[in-house]
Amino acid sequence: MKAQDKRALAKRRRWRVRSRISGTVERPRLSVHFSNRHIYAQCIDDGEAVTLVAASSLGGEGEPVHANRTGAAVLGESIARKALAHGIARVILDRGPRRYHGCVQEFADAARKAGLEF
């Protein structure tokens, strides 16, 4: 499969997921993105188009976090702690074009264990 076709299919999956979910102030969208080297997560209020809380593996908090399952678990706990500190207890998970499997599942499980409700 050509790289251009892969990108087009990923774009379609991303928009399919995004068409079904939307974040509010009471229940923001927890968006997670994995690149080859880093992980980025943010809680977004789509009504105001504002990022409420953000965390990434670039943050420099503690030991370095890599874009693998253990790094996803560490970042899931980190974003949950930040969200709870800002008064956010319930979120909607936006997995983007990725399946709920592997790193995405580890991220979500760690955030749930740290106190966020999906």
PDB file of N, CA and C in Angstrom:
ATOM      1  N   MET A   1       0.841  -1.173   0.000  1.00  0.00           N
ATOM      2  CA  MET A   1       0.000   0.000   0.000  1.00  0.00           C
ATOM      3  C   MET A   1       0.888   1.239   0.000  1.00  0.00           C
ATOM      4  N   LYS A   2       0.534   2.218  -0.787  1.00  0.00           N
ATOM      5  CA  LYS A   2       1.312   3.440  -0.886  1.00  0.00           C
ATOM      6  C   LYS A   2       1.142   4.283   0.373  1.00  0.00           C
ATOM      7  N   ALA A   3       2.168   5.062   0.681  1.00  0.00           N
ATOM      8  CA  ALA A   3       2.129   5.915   1.873  1.00  0.00           C
ATOM      9  C   ALA A   3       0.992   6.936   1.772  1.00  0.00           C
ATOM     10  N   GLN A   4       0.743   7.418   0.579  1.00  0.00           N
ATOM     11  CA  GLN A   4      -0.323   8.398   0.382  1.00  0.00           C
ATOM     12  C   GLN A   4      -1.681   7.775   0.703  1.00  0.00           C
ATOM     13  N   ASP A   5      -1.890   6.520   0.330  1.00  0.00           N
ATOM     14  CA  ASP A   5      -3.137   5.831   0.625  1.00  0.00           C
ATOM     15  C   ASP A   5      -3.286   5.605   2.137  1.00  0.00           C
ATOM     16  N   LYS A   6      -2.185   5.267   2.810  1.00  0.00           N
ATOM     17  CA  LYS A   6      -2.232   5.072   4.262  1.00  0.00           C
ATOM     18  C   LYS A   6      -2.635   6.346   4.975  1.00  0.00           C
ATOM     19  N   ARG A   7      -2.054   7.466   4.538  1.00  0.00           N
ATOM     20  CA  ARG A   7      -2.397   8.748   5.151  1.00  0.00           C
ATOM     21  C   ARG A   7      -3.858   9.103   4.911  1.00  0.00           C
ATOM     22  N   ALA A   8      -4.347   8.817   3.733  1.00  0.00           N
ATOM     23  CA  ALA A   8      -5.745   9.117   3.422  1.00  0.00           C
ATOM     24  C   ALA A   8      -6.693   8.262   4.275  1.00  0.00           C
ATOM     25  N   LEU A   9      -6.354   6.997   4.450  1.00  0.00           N
ATOM     26  CA  LEU A   9      -7.191   6.123   5.281  1.00  0.00           C
ATOM     27  C   LEU A   9      -7.143   6.550   6.751  1.00  0.00           C
ATOM     28  N   ALA A  10      -5.979   6.953   7.218  1.00  0.00           N
ATOM     29  CA  ALA A  10      -5.859   7.427   8.604  1.00  0.00           C
ATOM     30  C   ALA A  10      -6.680   8.694   8.808  1.00  0.00           C
ATOM     31  N   LYS A  11      -6.672   9.554   7.812  1.00  0.00           N
ATOM     32  CA  LYS A  11      -7.456  10.787   7.892  1.00  0.00           C
ATOM     33  C   LYS A  11      -8.949  10.471   7.965  1.00  0.00           C
ATOM     34  N   ARG A  12      -9.389   9.515   7.184  1.00  0.00           N
ATOM     35  CA  ARG A  12     -10.801   9.115   7.216  1.00  0.00           C
ATOM     36  C   ARG A  12     -11.169   8.527   8.570  1.00  0.00           C
ATOM     37  N   ARG A  13     -10.287   7.701   9.157  1.00  0.00           N
ATOM     38  CA  ARG A  13     -10.558   7.127  10.484  1.00  0.00           C
ATOM     39  C   ARG A  13     -10.618   8.225  11.536  1.00  0.00           C
ATOM     40  N   ARG A  14      -9.690   9.175  11.458  1.00  0.00           N
ATOM     41  CA  ARG A  14      -9.656  10.270  12.415  1.00  0.00           C
ATOM     42  C   ARG A  14     -10.962  11.063  12.380  1.00  0.00           C
ATOM     43  N   TRP A  15     -11.423  11.403  11.182  1.00  0.00           N
ATOM     44  CA  TRP A  15     -12.653  12.189  11.066  1.00  0.00           C
ATOM     45  C   TRP A  15     -13.883  11.370  11.439  1.00  0.00           C
ATOM     46  N   ARG A  16     -13.854  10.083  11.218  1.00  0.00           N
ATOM     47  CA  ARG A  16     -14.971   9.221  11.627  1.00  0.00           C
ATOM     48  C   ARG A  16     -15.117   9.225  13.145  1.00  0.00           C
ATOM     49  N   VAL A  17     -13.987   9.122  13.837  1.00  0.00           N
ATOM     50  CA  VAL A  17     -14.013   9.153  15.305  1.00  0.00           C
ATOM     51  C   VAL A  17     -14.451  10.529  15.791  1.00  0.00           C
ATOM     52  N   ARG A  18     -13.883  11.586  15.204  1.00  0.00           N
ATOM     53  CA  ARG A  18     -14.185  12.947  15.656  1.00  0.00           C
ATOM     54  C   ARG A  18     -15.629  13.361  15.370  1.00  0.00           C
ATOM     55  N   SER A  19     -16.265  12.771  14.367  1.00  0.00           N
ATOM     56  CA  SER A  19     -17.646  13.141  14.061  1.00  0.00           C
ATOM     57  C   SER A  19     -18.599  12.638  15.125  1.00  0.00           C
ATOM     58  N   ARG A  20     -18.174  11.659  15.909  1.00  0.00           N
ATOM     59  CA  ARG A  20     -19.057  11.056  16.915  1.00  0.00           C
ATOM     60  C   ARG A  20     -18.859  11.617  18.313  1.00  0.00           C
ATOM     61  N   ILE A  21     -17.747  12.293  18.567  1.00  0.00           N
ATOM     62  CA  ILE A  21     -17.488  12.785  19.918  1.00  0.00           C
ATOM     63  C   ILE A  21     -17.204  14.279  19.894  1.00  0.00           C
ATOM     64  N   SER A  22     -17.534  14.927  21.008  1.00  0.00           N
ATOM     65  CA  SER A  22     -17.266  16.343  21.155  1.00  0.00           C
ATOM     66  C   SER A  22     -17.089  16.637  22.633  1.00  0.00           C
ATOM     67  N   GLY A  23     -16.119  17.452  22.977  1.00  0.00           N
ATOM     68  CA  GLY A  23     -15.842  17.763  24.363  1.00  0.00           C
ATOM     69  C   GLY A  23     -16.589  19.004  24.825  1.00  0.00           C
ATOM     70  N   THR A  24     -16.975  19.018  26.092  1.00  0.00           N
ATOM     71  CA  THR A  24     -17.626  20.166  26.707  1.00  0.00           C
ATOM     72  C   THR A  24     -16.811  20.567  27.935  1.00  0.00           C
ATOM     73  N   VAL A  25     -17.251  21.622  28.619  1.00  0.00           N
ATOM     74  CA  VAL A  25     -16.553  22.043  29.826  1.00  0.00           C
ATOM     75  C   VAL A  25     -16.691  20.973  30.904  1.00  0.00           C
ATOM     76  N   GLU A  26     -17.888  20.379  31.030  1.00  0.00           N
ATOM     77  CA  GLU A  26     -18.132  19.363  32.045  1.00  0.00           C
ATOM     78  C   GLU A  26     -17.413  18.057  31.726  1.00  0.00           C
ATOM     79  N   ARG A  27     -17.357  17.724  30.443  1.00  0.00           N
ATOM     80  CA  ARG A  27     -16.738  16.474  30.010  1.00  0.00           C
ATOM     81  C   ARG A  27     -15.889  16.728  28.764  1.00  0.00           C
ATOM     82  N   PRO A  28     -14.651  17.185  28.960  1.00  0.00           N
ATOM     83  CA  PRO A  28     -13.801  17.503  27.803  1.00  0.00           C
ATOM     84  C   PRO A  28     -13.322  16.262  27.058  1.00  0.00           C
ATOM     85  N   ARG A  29     -12.848  16.505  25.847  1.00  0.00           N
ATOM     86  CA  ARG A  29     -12.311  15.435  25.006  1.00  0.00           C
ATOM     87  C   ARG A  29     -10.843  15.231  25.356  1.00  0.00           C
ATOM     88  N   LEU A  30     -10.474  14.005  25.711  1.00  0.00           N
ATOM     89  CA  LEU A  30      -9.070  13.661  25.997  1.00  0.00           C
ATOM     90  C   LEU A  30      -8.472  13.106  24.715  1.00  0.00           C
ATOM     91  N   SER A  31      -7.731  13.952  24.020  1.00  0.00           N
ATOM     92  CA  SER A  31      -7.126  13.579  22.749  1.00  0.00           C
ATOM     93  C   SER A  31      -5.720  13.067  22.987  1.00  0.00           C
ATOM     94  N   VAL A  32      -5.385  11.943  22.364  1.00  0.00           N
ATOM     95  CA  VAL A  32      -4.049  11.375  22.501  1.00  0.00           C
ATOM     96  C   VAL A  32      -3.457  11.162  21.106  1.00  0.00           C
ATOM     97  N   HIS A  33      -2.188  11.545  20.958  1.00  0.00           N
ATOM     98  CA  HIS A  33      -1.496  11.407  19.670  1.00  0.00           C
ATOM     99  C   HIS A  33      -0.138  10.765  19.919  1.00  0.00           C
ATOM    100  N   PHE A  34       0.179   9.772  19.137  1.00  0.00           N
ATOM    101  CA  PHE A  34       1.465   9.086  19.227  1.00  0.00           C
ATOM    102  C   PHE A  34       2.247   9.338  17.940  1.00  0.00           C
ATOM    103  N   SER A  35       3.438   9.903  18.078  1.00  0.00           N
ATOM    104  CA  SER A  35       4.341   9.965  16.940  1.00  0.00           C
ATOM    105  C   SER A  35       5.329   8.812  17.115  1.00  0.00           C
ATOM    106  N   ASN A  36       6.317   8.732  16.272  1.00  0.00           N
ATOM    107  CA  ASN A  36       7.291   7.650  16.411  1.00  0.00           C
ATOM    108  C   ASN A  36       8.160   7.815  17.648  1.00  0.00           C
ATOM    109  N   ARG A  37       8.330   9.053  18.128  1.00  0.00           N
ATOM    110  CA  ARG A  37       9.214   9.309  19.257  1.00  0.00           C
ATOM    111  C   ARG A  37       8.513   9.801  20.522  1.00  0.00           C
ATOM    112  N   HIS A  38       7.370  10.456  20.375  1.00  0.00           N
ATOM    113  CA  HIS A  38       6.756  11.113  21.523  1.00  0.00           C
ATOM    114  C   HIS A  38       5.255  10.854  21.586  1.00  0.00           C
ATOM    115  N   ILE A  39       4.688  11.184  22.756  1.00  0.00           N
ATOM    116  CA  ILE A  39       3.262  11.049  23.001  1.00  0.00           C
ATOM    117  C   ILE A  39       2.749  12.413  23.450  1.00  0.00           C
ATOM    118  N   TYR A  40       1.592  12.809  22.944  1.00  0.00           N
ATOM    119  CA  TYR A  40       0.981  14.077  23.310  1.00  0.00           C
ATOM    120  C   TYR A  40      -0.461  13.810  23.717  1.00  0.00           C
ATOM    121  N   ALA A  41      -0.897  14.435  24.811  1.00  0.00           N
ATOM    122  CA  ALA A  41      -2.276  14.279  25.268  1.00  0.00           C
ATOM    123  C   ALA A  41      -2.780  15.632  25.745  1.00  0.00           C
ATOM    124  N   GLN A  42      -4.068  15.890  25.496  1.00  0.00           N
ATOM    125  CA  GLN A  42      -4.649  17.138  25.963  1.00  0.00           C
ATOM    126  C   GLN A  42      -6.145  16.980  26.170  1.00  0.00           C
ATOM    127  N   CYS A  43      -6.674  17.701  27.147  1.00  0.00           N
ATOM    128  CA  CYS A  43      -8.106  17.772  27.395  1.00  0.00           C
ATOM    129  C   CYS A  43      -8.610  19.035  26.720  1.00  0.00           C
ATOM    130  N   ILE A  44      -9.600  18.884  25.842  1.00  0.00           N
ATOM    131  CA  ILE A  44     -10.041  19.978  24.989  1.00  0.00           C
ATOM    132  C   ILE A  44     -11.522  20.234  25.193  1.00  0.00           C
ATOM    133  N   ASP A  45     -11.893  21.512  25.352  1.00  0.00           N
ATOM    134  CA  ASP A  45     -13.284  21.940  25.354  1.00  0.00           C
ATOM    135  C   ASP A  45     -13.598  22.399  23.934  1.00  0.00           C
ATOM    136  N   ASP A  46     -14.359  21.586  23.196  1.00  0.00           N
ATOM    137  CA  ASP A  46     -14.631  21.897  21.787  1.00  0.00           C
ATOM    138  C   ASP A  46     -15.602  23.058  21.619  1.00  0.00           C
ATOM    139  N   GLY A  47     -16.437  23.325  22.622  1.00  0.00           N
ATOM    140  CA  GLY A  47     -17.367  24.449  22.528  1.00  0.00           C
ATOM    141  C   GLY A  47     -16.643  25.776  22.451  1.00  0.00           C
ATOM    142  N   GLU A  48     -15.612  25.938  23.240  1.00  0.00           N
ATOM    143  CA  GLU A  48     -14.820  27.167  23.255  1.00  0.00           C
ATOM    144  C   GLU A  48     -13.533  27.036  22.442  1.00  0.00           C
ATOM    145  N   ALA A  49     -13.228  25.836  21.956  1.00  0.00           N
ATOM    146  CA  ALA A  49     -11.992  25.555  21.217  1.00  0.00           C
ATOM    147  C   ALA A  49     -10.766  25.924  22.048  1.00  0.00           C
ATOM    148  N   VAL A  50     -10.737  25.405  23.299  1.00  0.00           N
ATOM    149  CA  VAL A  50      -9.679  25.728  24.243  1.00  0.00           C
ATOM    150  C   VAL A  50      -9.094  24.441  24.805  1.00  0.00           C
ATOM    151  N   THR A  51      -7.771  24.392  24.912  1.00  0.00           N
ATOM    152  CA  THR A  51      -7.103  23.288  25.593  1.00  0.00           C
ATOM    153  C   THR A  51      -7.082  23.589  27.076  1.00  0.00           C
ATOM    154  N   LEU A  52      -7.672  22.696  27.882  1.00  0.00           N
ATOM    155  CA  LEU A  52      -7.756  22.902  29.318  1.00  0.00           C
ATOM    156  C   LEU A  52      -6.516  22.390  30.045  1.00  0.00           C
ATOM    157  N   VAL A  53      -6.057  21.188  29.684  1.00  0.00           N
ATOM    158  CA  VAL A  53      -4.896  20.559  30.315  1.00  0.00           C
ATOM    159  C   VAL A  53      -4.114  19.840  29.227  1.00  0.00           C
ATOM    160  N   ALA A  54      -2.796  19.882  29.307  1.00  0.00           N
ATOM    161  CA  ALA A  54      -1.971  19.190  28.315  1.00  0.00           C
ATOM    162  C   ALA A  54      -0.786  18.522  28.986  1.00  0.00           C
ATOM    163  N   ALA A  55      -0.328  17.436  28.390  1.00  0.00           N
ATOM    164  CA  ALA A  55       0.872  16.739  28.844  1.00  0.00           C
ATOM    165  C   ALA A  55       1.510  16.079  27.634  1.00  0.00           C
ATOM    166  N   SER A  56       2.817  15.933  27.688  1.00  0.00           N
ATOM    167  CA  SER A  56       3.516  15.251  26.599  1.00  0.00           C
ATOM    168  C   SER A  56       4.774  14.604  27.132  1.00  0.00           C
ATOM    169  N   SER A  57       5.351  13.769  26.318  1.00  0.00           N
ATOM    170  CA  SER A  57       6.605  13.125  26.704  1.00  0.00           C
ATOM    171  C   SER A  57       7.769  14.105  26.603  1.00  0.00           C
ATOM    172  N   LEU A  58       7.532  15.287  26.062  1.00  0.00           N
ATOM    173  CA  LEU A  58       8.554  16.322  25.981  1.00  0.00           C
ATOM    174  C   LEU A  58       8.618  17.150  27.255  1.00  0.00           C
ATOM    175  N   GLY A  59       7.681  16.923  28.183  1.00  0.00           N
ATOM    176  CA  GLY A  59       7.520  17.759  29.362  1.00  0.00           C
ATOM    177  C   GLY A  59       8.711  17.837  30.285  1.00  0.00           C
ATOM    178  N   GLY A  60       9.543  16.835  30.332  1.00  0.00           N
ATOM    179  CA  GLY A  60      10.720  16.866  31.178  1.00  0.00           C
ATOM    180  C   GLY A  60      10.423  16.612  32.646  1.00  0.00           C
ATOM    181  N   GLU A  61       9.266  16.051  32.952  1.00  0.00           N
ATOM    182  CA  GLU A  61       8.919  15.744  34.338  1.00  0.00           C
ATOM    183  C   GLU A  61       9.465  14.357  34.682  1.00  0.00           C
ATOM    184  N   GLY A  62      10.427  14.290  35.573  1.00  0.00           N
ATOM    185  CA  GLY A  62      10.984  12.998  35.970  1.00  0.00           C
ATOM    186  C   GLY A  62      11.839  12.382  34.879  1.00  0.00           C
ATOM    187  N   GLU A  63      11.777  11.061  34.784  1.00  0.00           N
ATOM    188  CA  GLU A  63      12.586  10.348  33.800  1.00  0.00           C
ATOM    189  C   GLU A  63      11.973  10.461  32.409  1.00  0.00           C
ATOM    190  N   PRO A  64      12.763  10.297  31.354  1.00  0.00           N
ATOM    191  CA  PRO A  64      12.235  10.448  29.993  1.00  0.00           C
ATOM    192  C   PRO A  64      11.174   9.397  29.663  1.00  0.00           C
ATOM    193  N   VAL A  65      10.191   9.828  28.888  1.00  0.00           N
ATOM    194  CA  VAL A  65       9.080   8.964  28.486  1.00  0.00           C
ATOM    195  C   VAL A  65       9.208   8.710  26.997  1.00  0.00           C
ATOM    196  N   HIS A  66       9.112   7.449  26.587  1.00  0.00           N
ATOM    197  CA  HIS A  66       9.205   7.085  25.178  1.00  0.00           C
ATOM    198  C   HIS A  66       7.825   6.723  24.648  1.00  0.00           C
ATOM    199  N   ALA A  67       7.689   6.671  23.352  1.00  0.00           N
ATOM    200  CA  ALA A  67       6.408   6.378  22.710  1.00  0.00           C
ATOM    201  C   ALA A  67       6.198   4.871  22.621  1.00  0.00           C
ATOM    202  N   ASN A  68       6.099   4.224  23.786  1.00  0.00           N
ATOM    203  CA  ASN A  68       5.803   2.800  23.837  1.00  0.00           C
ATOM    204  C   ASN A  68       4.749   2.580  24.921  1.00  0.00           C
ATOM    205  N   ARG A  69       4.456   1.330  25.237  1.00  0.00           N
ATOM    206  CA  ARG A  69       3.380   1.052  26.190  1.00  0.00           C
ATOM    207  C   ARG A  69       3.693   1.560  27.587  1.00  0.00           C
ATOM    208  N   THR A  70       4.927   1.431  28.040  1.00  0.00           N
ATOM    209  CA  THR A  70       5.265   1.929  29.378  1.00  0.00           C
ATOM    210  C   THR A  70       5.203   3.455  29.415  1.00  0.00           C
ATOM    211  N   GLY A  71       5.654   4.092  28.356  1.00  0.00           N
ATOM    212  CA  GLY A  71       5.557   5.549  28.272  1.00  0.00           C
ATOM    213  C   GLY A  71       4.118   6.022  28.233  1.00  0.00           C
ATOM    214  N   ALA A  72       3.268   5.261  27.544  1.00  0.00           N
ATOM    215  CA  ALA A  72       1.844   5.606  27.479  1.00  0.00           C
ATOM    216  C   ALA A  72       1.212   5.521  28.865  1.00  0.00           C
ATOM    217  N   ALA A  73       1.602   4.524  29.642  1.00  0.00           N
ATOM    218  CA  ALA A  73       1.062   4.378  30.992  1.00  0.00           C
ATOM    219  C   ALA A  73       1.507   5.542  31.881  1.00  0.00           C
ATOM    220  N   VAL A  74       2.769   5.935  31.781  1.00  0.00           N
ATOM    221  CA  VAL A  74       3.280   7.057  32.577  1.00  0.00           C
ATOM    222  C   VAL A  74       2.559   8.348  32.201  1.00  0.00           C
ATOM    223  N   LEU A  75       2.380   8.583  30.914  1.00  0.00           N
ATOM    224  CA  LEU A  75       1.716   9.805  30.474  1.00  0.00           C
ATOM    225  C   LEU A  75       0.232   9.789  30.818  1.00  0.00           C
ATOM    226  N   GLY A  76      -0.413   8.623  30.799  1.00  0.00           N
ATOM    227  CA  GLY A  76      -1.808   8.521  31.200  1.00  0.00           C
ATOM    228  C   GLY A  76      -2.009   8.928  32.650  1.00  0.00           C
ATOM    229  N   GLU A  77      -1.103   8.478  33.517  1.00  0.00           N
ATOM    230  CA  GLU A  77      -1.172   8.881  34.930  1.00  0.00           C
ATOM    231  C   GLU A  77      -0.922  10.380  35.081  1.00  0.00           C
ATOM    232  N   SER A  78       0.025  10.905  34.324  1.00  0.00           N
ATOM    233  CA  SER A  78       0.375  12.321  34.401  1.00  0.00           C
ATOM    234  C   SER A  78      -0.797  13.210  33.985  1.00  0.00           C
ATOM    235  N   ILE A  79      -1.441  12.898  32.858  1.00  0.00           N
ATOM    236  CA  ILE A  79      -2.555  13.727  32.393  1.00  0.00           C
ATOM    237  C   ILE A  79      -3.741  13.603  33.340  1.00  0.00           C
ATOM    238  N   ALA A  80      -3.931  12.434  33.943  1.00  0.00           N
ATOM    239  CA  ALA A  80      -5.032  12.266  34.897  1.00  0.00           C
ATOM    240  C   ALA A  80      -4.800  13.128  36.132  1.00  0.00           C
ATOM    241  N   ARG A  81      -3.566  13.149  36.650  1.00  0.00           N
ATOM    242  CA  ARG A  81      -3.266  13.981  37.822  1.00  0.00           C
ATOM    243  C   ARG A  81      -3.490  15.453  37.510  1.00  0.00           C
ATOM    244  N   LYS A  82      -3.042  15.908  36.331  1.00  0.00           N
ATOM    245  CA  LYS A  82      -3.225  17.309  35.955  1.00  0.00           C
ATOM    246  C   LYS A  82      -4.705  17.648  35.783  1.00  0.00           C
ATOM    247  N   ALA A  83      -5.457  16.736  35.172  1.00  0.00           N
ATOM    248  CA  ALA A  83      -6.887  16.981  34.959  1.00  0.00           C
ATOM    249  C   ALA A  83      -7.628  17.041  36.295  1.00  0.00           C
ATOM    250  N   LEU A  84      -7.331  16.127  37.190  1.00  0.00           N
ATOM    251  CA  LEU A  84      -7.984  16.137  38.495  1.00  0.00           C
ATOM    252  C   LEU A  84      -7.626  17.394  39.278  1.00  0.00           C
ATOM    253  N   ALA A  85      -6.414  17.886  39.138  1.00  0.00           N
ATOM    254  CA  ALA A  85      -6.012  19.126  39.804  1.00  0.00           C
ATOM    255  C   ALA A  85      -6.785  20.332  39.271  1.00  0.00           C
ATOM    256  N   HIS A  86      -7.215  20.275  38.009  1.00  0.00           N
ATOM    257  CA  HIS A  86      -8.006  21.350  37.408  1.00  0.00           C
ATOM    258  C   HIS A  86      -9.501  21.118  37.554  1.00  0.00           C
ATOM    259  N   GLY A  87      -9.893  20.085  38.290  1.00  0.00           N
ATOM    260  CA  GLY A  87     -11.315  19.834  38.526  1.00  0.00           C
ATOM    261  C   GLY A  87     -12.008  19.051  37.429  1.00  0.00           C
ATOM    262  N   ILE A  88     -11.254  18.367  36.603  1.00  0.00           N
ATOM    263  CA  ILE A  88     -11.829  17.556  35.525  1.00  0.00           C
ATOM    264  C   ILE A  88     -11.791  16.100  35.968  1.00  0.00           C
ATOM    265  N   ALA A  89     -12.974  15.493  36.137  1.00  0.00           N
ATOM    266  CA  ALA A  89     -13.038  14.100  36.576  1.00  0.00           C
ATOM    267  C   ALA A  89     -13.559  13.167  35.489  1.00  0.00           C
ATOM    268  N   ARG A  90     -14.360  13.703  34.555  1.00  0.00           N
ATOM    269  CA  ARG A  90     -14.938  12.889  33.484  1.00  0.00           C
ATOM    270  C   ARG A  90     -14.471  13.409  32.139  1.00  0.00           C
ATOM    271  N   VAL A  91     -14.050  12.507  31.259  1.00  0.00           N
ATOM    272  CA  VAL A  91     -13.574  12.878  29.925  1.00  0.00           C
ATOM    273  C   VAL A  91     -14.125  11.897  28.889  1.00  0.00           C
ATOM    274  N   ILE A  92     -13.985  12.279  27.628  1.00  0.00           N
ATOM    275  CA  ILE A  92     -14.297  11.408  26.496  1.00  0.00           C
ATOM    276  C   ILE A  92     -12.979  11.136  25.779  1.00  0.00           C
ATOM    277  N   LEU A  93     -12.629   9.879  25.584  1.00  0.00           N
ATOM    278  CA  LEU A  93     -11.359   9.538  24.954  1.00  0.00           C
ATOM    279  C   LEU A  93     -11.449   9.679  23.437  1.00  0.00           C
ATOM    280  N   ASP A  94     -10.521  10.443  22.877  1.00  0.00           N
ATOM    281  CA  ASP A  94     -10.384  10.590  21.429  1.00  0.00           C
ATOM    282  C   ASP A  94      -9.096   9.874  21.033  1.00  0.00           C
ATOM    283  N   ARG A  95      -9.237   8.690  20.453  1.00  0.00           N
ATOM    284  CA  ARG A  95      -8.076   7.868  20.117  1.00  0.00           C
ATOM    285  C   ARG A  95      -7.489   8.227  18.760  1.00  0.00           C
ATOM    286  N   GLY A  96      -8.135   9.126  18.046  1.00  0.00           N
ATOM    287  CA  GLY A  96      -7.656   9.519  16.727  1.00  0.00           C
ATOM    288  C   GLY A  96      -7.812   8.375  15.741  1.00  0.00           C
ATOM    289  N   PRO A  97      -6.857   8.180  14.830  1.00  0.00           N
ATOM    290  CA  PRO A  97      -6.987   7.117  13.847  1.00  0.00           C
ATOM    291  C   PRO A  97      -6.525   5.753  14.352  1.00  0.00           C
ATOM    292  N   ARG A  98      -6.099   5.676  15.605  1.00  0.00           N
ATOM    293  CA  ARG A  98      -5.530   4.426  16.117  1.00  0.00           C
ATOM    294  C   ARG A  98      -6.595   3.555  16.751  1.00  0.00           C
ATOM    295  N   ARG A  99      -6.364   2.245  16.722  1.00  0.00           N
ATOM    296  CA  ARG A  99      -7.266   1.300  17.364  1.00  0.00           C
ATOM    297  C   ARG A  99      -7.128   1.390  18.872  1.00  0.00           C
ATOM    298  N   TYR A 100      -8.176   0.985  19.586  1.00  0.00           N
ATOM    299  CA  TYR A 100      -8.104   0.918  21.042  1.00  0.00           C
ATOM    300  C   TYR A 100      -7.388  -0.382  21.380  1.00  0.00           C
ATOM    301  N   HIS A 101      -6.061  -0.323  21.300  1.00  0.00           N
ATOM    302  CA  HIS A 101      -5.229  -1.517  21.429  1.00  0.00           C
ATOM    303  C   HIS A 101      -3.808  -1.052  21.695  1.00  0.00           C
ATOM    304  N   GLY A 102      -3.046  -1.798  22.461  1.00  0.00           N
ATOM    305  CA  GLY A 102      -1.639  -1.488  22.662  1.00  0.00           C
ATOM    306  C   GLY A 102      -1.427  -0.210  23.457  1.00  0.00           C
ATOM    307  N   CYS A 103      -0.747   0.751  22.854  1.00  0.00           N
ATOM    308  CA  CYS A 103      -0.391   1.993  23.545  1.00  0.00           C
ATOM    309  C   CYS A 103      -1.620   2.799  23.951  1.00  0.00           C
ATOM    310  N   VAL A 104      -2.618   2.870  23.093  1.00  0.00           N
ATOM    311  CA  VAL A 104      -3.827   3.627  23.410  1.00  0.00           C
ATOM    312  C   VAL A 104      -4.540   2.992  24.598  1.00  0.00           C
ATOM    313  N   GLN A 105      -4.615   1.682  24.617  1.00  0.00           N
ATOM    314  CA  GLN A 105      -5.264   0.981  25.726  1.00  0.00           C
ATOM    315  C   GLN A 105      -4.486   1.172  27.024  1.00  0.00           C
ATOM    316  N   GLU A 106      -3.168   1.100  26.982  1.00  0.00           N
ATOM    317  CA  GLU A 106      -2.343   1.336  28.167  1.00  0.00           C
ATOM    318  C   GLU A 106      -2.542   2.756  28.692  1.00  0.00           C
ATOM    319  N   PHE A 107      -2.583   3.721  27.794  1.00  0.00           N
ATOM    320  CA  PHE A 107      -2.793   5.111  28.169  1.00  0.00           C
ATOM    321  C   PHE A 107      -4.136   5.270  28.881  1.00  0.00           C
ATOM    322  N   ALA A 108      -5.190   4.714  28.288  1.00  0.00           N
ATOM    323  CA  ALA A 108      -6.528   4.841  28.859  1.00  0.00           C
ATOM    324  C   ALA A 108      -6.639   4.125  30.204  1.00  0.00           C
ATOM    325  N   ASP A 109      -6.077   2.935  30.304  1.00  0.00           N
ATOM    326  CA  ASP A 109      -6.134   2.191  31.564  1.00  0.00           C
ATOM    327  C   ASP A 109      -5.396   2.924  32.684  1.00  0.00           C
ATOM    328  N   ALA A 110      -4.246   3.511  32.374  1.00  0.00           N
ATOM    329  CA  ALA A 110      -3.489   4.249  33.384  1.00  0.00           C
ATOM    330  C   ALA A 110      -4.246   5.496  33.828  1.00  0.00           C
ATOM    331  N   ALA A 111      -4.888   6.189  32.886  1.00  0.00           N
ATOM    332  CA  ALA A 111      -5.666   7.376  33.236  1.00  0.00           C
ATOM    333  C   ALA A 111      -6.868   6.990  34.103  1.00  0.00           C
ATOM    334  N   ARG A 112      -7.510   5.876  33.775  1.00  0.00           N
ATOM    335  CA  ARG A 112      -8.631   5.383  34.584  1.00  0.00           C
ATOM    336  C   ARG A 112      -8.176   5.023  35.989  1.00  0.00           C
ATOM    337  N   LYS A 113      -7.048   4.330  36.073  1.00  0.00           N
ATOM    338  CA  LYS A 113      -6.524   3.909  37.371  1.00  0.00           C
ATOM    339  C   LYS A 113      -6.152   5.108  38.226  1.00  0.00           C
ATOM    340  N   ALA A 114      -5.710   6.195  37.595  1.00  0.00           N
ATOM    341  CA  ALA A 114      -5.312   7.404  38.324  1.00  0.00           C
ATOM    342  C   ALA A 114      -6.517   8.257  38.734  1.00  0.00           C
ATOM    343  N   GLY A 115      -7.729   7.903  38.265  1.00  0.00           N
ATOM    344  CA  GLY A 115      -8.907   8.600  38.754  1.00  0.00           C
ATOM    345  C   GLY A 115      -9.814   9.228  37.726  1.00  0.00           C
ATOM    346  N   LEU A 116      -9.455   9.230  36.442  1.00  0.00           N
ATOM    347  CA  LEU A 116     -10.347   9.784  35.435  1.00  0.00           C
ATOM    348  C   LEU A 116     -11.458   8.798  35.104  1.00  0.00           C
ATOM    349  N   GLU A 117     -12.624   9.329  34.787  1.00  0.00           N
ATOM    350  CA  GLU A 117     -13.767   8.488  34.421  1.00  0.00           C
ATOM    351  C   GLU A 117     -14.071   8.688  32.942  1.00  0.00           C
ATOM    352  N   PHE A 118     -14.153   7.606  32.191  1.00  0.00           N
ATOM    353  CA  PHE A 118     -14.461   7.685  30.751  1.00  0.00           C
ATOM    354  C   PHE A 118     -15.905   7.368  30.532  1.00  0.00           C
TER     355      PHE A 118
END
